C-alpha atoms as a PDB file:
ATOM      1  CA  MET A   1     -16.957   2.874  69.407  1.00  0.00           C
ATOM      2  CA  SER A   2     -18.569   4.464  66.570  1.00  0.00           C
ATOM      3  CA  THR A   3     -17.286   6.737  63.599  1.00  0.00           C
ATOM      4  CA  PRO A   4     -18.289   9.237  61.307  1.00  0.00           C
ATOM      5  CA  SER A   5     -18.977   7.799  57.948  1.00  0.00           C
ATOM      6  CA  PRO A   6     -16.413   9.685  55.618  1.00  0.00           C
ATOM      7  CA  SER A   7     -16.831  12.258  53.839  1.00  0.00           C
ATOM      8  CA  ASN A   8     -18.027  12.888  50.176  1.00  0.00           C
ATOM      9  CA  SER A   9     -14.911  15.687  49.201  1.00  0.00           C
ATOM     10  CA  PRO A  10     -11.817  14.548  49.691  1.00  0.00           C
ATOM     11  CA  GLN A  11     -10.826  17.983  51.125  1.00  0.00           C
ATOM     12  CA  ASP A  12     -12.248  17.050  53.736  1.00  0.00           C
ATOM     13  CA  ASN A  13      -9.572  14.474  54.827  1.00  0.00           C
ATOM     14  CA  VAL A  14      -6.775  16.268  54.933  1.00  0.00           C
ATOM     15  CA  LYS A  15      -5.622  17.271  58.538  1.00  0.00           C
ATOM     16  CA  PRO A  16      -5.806  14.918  60.067  1.00  0.00           C
ATOM     17  CA  ALA A  17      -7.916  13.871  64.040  1.00  0.00           C
ATOM     18  CA  ASP A  18      -5.983  15.228  66.897  1.00  0.00           C
ATOM     19  CA  TYR A  19      -3.218  11.702  67.173  1.00  0.00           C
ATOM     20  CA  LYS A  20      -3.132  12.090  70.658  1.00  0.00           C
ATOM     21  CA  VAL A  21      -7.941  12.299  71.555  1.00  0.00           C
ATOM     22  CA  THR A  22      -7.422   9.044  68.687  1.00  0.00           C
ATOM     23  CA  PHE A  23      -4.637   6.710  70.646  1.00  0.00           C
ATOM     24  CA  ALA A  24      -6.348   9.087  74.357  1.00  0.00           C
ATOM     25  CA  ALA A  25      -9.813   7.077  72.579  1.00  0.00           C
ATOM     26  CA  ARG A  26      -8.727   3.701  72.026  1.00  0.00           C
ATOM     27  CA  GLN A  27      -7.823   0.403  74.995  1.00  0.00           C
ATOM     28  CA  SER A  28      -3.614  -0.335  73.717  1.00  0.00           C
ATOM     29  CA  TYR A  29      -1.754   1.515  71.691  1.00  0.00           C
ATOM     30  CA  THR A  30      -1.328  -0.362  68.365  1.00  0.00           C
ATOM     31  CA  GLN A  31       0.653   0.032  65.750  1.00  0.00           C
ATOM     32  CA  HIS A  32      -2.645   0.189  64.008  1.00  0.00           C
ATOM     33  CA  THR A  33      -4.589   3.454  65.781  1.00  0.00           C
ATOM     34  CA  ASP A  34      -4.711   6.314  62.617  1.00  0.00           C
ATOM     35  CA  PRO A  35      -6.181   9.775  62.881  1.00  0.00           C
ATOM     36  CA  CYS A  36      -6.253   9.341  59.205  1.00  0.00           C
ATOM     37  CA  GLU A  37      -8.577   6.615  59.594  1.00  0.00           C
ATOM     38  CA  GLN A  38     -11.340   8.572  57.847  1.00  0.00           C
ATOM     39  CA  ALA A  39      -9.225   9.407  55.027  1.00  0.00           C
ATOM     40  CA  ALA A  40      -8.753   5.831  54.002  1.00  0.00           C
ATOM     41  CA  LYS A  41     -11.854   4.488  54.323  1.00  0.00           C
ATOM     42  CA  ALA A  42     -13.178   7.670  52.277  1.00  0.00           C
ATOM     43  CA  SER A  43     -11.164   6.638  49.329  1.00  0.00           C
ATOM     44  CA  LEU A  44     -12.377   2.607  49.699  1.00  0.00           C
ATOM     45  CA  THR A  45     -15.635   3.678  49.659  1.00  0.00           C
ATOM     46  CA  CYS A  46     -14.091   5.804  46.879  1.00  0.00           C
ATOM     47  CA  MET A  47     -12.793   2.807  45.097  1.00  0.00           C
ATOM     48  CA  ASP A  48     -15.733   0.919  45.724  1.00  0.00           C
ATOM     49  CA  ARG A  49     -18.212   3.907  43.741  1.00  0.00           C
ATOM     50  CA  ASN A  50     -16.157   3.250  41.393  1.00  0.00           C
ATOM     51  CA  ASP A  51     -16.225  -0.503  40.592  1.00  0.00           C
ATOM     52  CA  TYR A  52     -11.821  -0.173  41.822  1.00  0.00           C
ATOM     53  CA  ASN A  53     -10.869   2.189  38.925  1.00  0.00           C
ATOM     54  CA  ARG A  54      -7.936   3.872  40.978  1.00  0.00           C
ATOM     55  CA  ASP A  55      -7.529   6.844  38.508  1.00  0.00           C
ATOM     56  CA  ASN A  56     -10.798   8.203  39.370  1.00  0.00           C
ATOM     57  CA  CYS A  57      -9.861   8.187  43.374  1.00  0.00           C
ATOM     58  CA  MET A  58      -6.713  10.168  43.459  1.00  0.00           C
ATOM     59  CA  ASP A  59      -7.870  13.475  45.120  1.00  0.00           C
ATOM     60  CA  PHE A  60      -8.237  11.140  47.656  1.00  0.00           C
ATOM     61  CA  PHE A  61      -5.809   8.683  48.138  1.00  0.00           C
ATOM     62  CA  GLN A  62      -4.162  12.163  48.013  1.00  0.00           C
ATOM     63  CA  ALA A  63      -5.840  13.635  50.677  1.00  0.00           C
ATOM     64  CA  TYR A  64      -4.827  10.237  52.758  1.00  0.00           C
ATOM     65  CA  ARG A  65      -1.043  11.120  51.320  1.00  0.00           C
ATOM     66  CA  ASP A  66      -1.558  15.388  52.654  1.00  0.00           C
ATOM     67  CA  CYS A  67      -3.241  13.476  56.260  1.00  0.00           C
ATOM     68  CA  LYS A  68      -0.328  11.062  57.373  1.00  0.00           C
ATOM     69  CA  LYS A  69       2.443  13.709  56.192  1.00  0.00           C
ATOM     70  CA  ALA A  70       0.616  16.353  58.443  1.00  0.00           C
ATOM     71  CA  TRP A  71       0.098  13.769  61.203  1.00  0.00           C
ATOM     72  CA  LEU A  72       3.671  12.291  60.765  1.00  0.00           C
ATOM     73  CA  GLU A  73       5.127  15.998  61.136  1.00  0.00           C
ATOM     74  CA  GLN A  74       2.293  16.989  63.640  1.00  0.00           C
ATOM     75  CA  ARG A  75       4.605  14.321  65.512  1.00  0.00           C
ATOM     76  CA  ARG A  76       7.670  15.308  65.136  1.00  0.00           C
ATOM     77  CA  GLU A  77       7.659  18.631  65.959  1.00  0.00           C
ATOM     78  CA  ASP A  78       5.869  17.291  69.409  1.00  0.00           C
ATOM     79  CA  ARG A  79       8.845  14.818  70.254  1.00  0.00           C
ATOM     80  CA  ARG A  80      11.470  17.915  69.443  1.00  0.00           C
ATOM     81  CA  ALA A  81       9.585  19.981  71.433  1.00  0.00           C
ATOM     82  CA  GLY A  82       9.610  17.421  74.624  1.00  0.00           C
ATOM     83  CA  ARG A  83       6.232  17.201  74.299  1.00  0.00           C
ATOM     84  CA  PRO A  84       4.833  14.167  75.551  1.00  0.00           C
ATOM     85  CA  THR A  85       3.239  11.360  72.383  1.00  0.00           C
ATOM     86  CA  PRO A  86       1.314   8.842  73.209  1.00  0.00           C
ATOM     87  CA  VAL A  87       3.360   6.238  70.636  1.00  0.00           C
END
């Protein structure tokens, strides 16, 4: 399964992909299945472009943290509401 290339704007990666769709697309569930994969790739791409100067990529790192936070909150709400979660 190919994934689209990371975005040039950190704000494009703040919202996580629907984790249920992300998990359903995988052959098997692993601890490495991540709906915020695009945000992670975007931050690594930024590091590559900027010769690993973290200060130039802080917006991308924050977008990844925001994405992870939103994803975990979404999973918590689903569990509290009794909706099934893939993992």
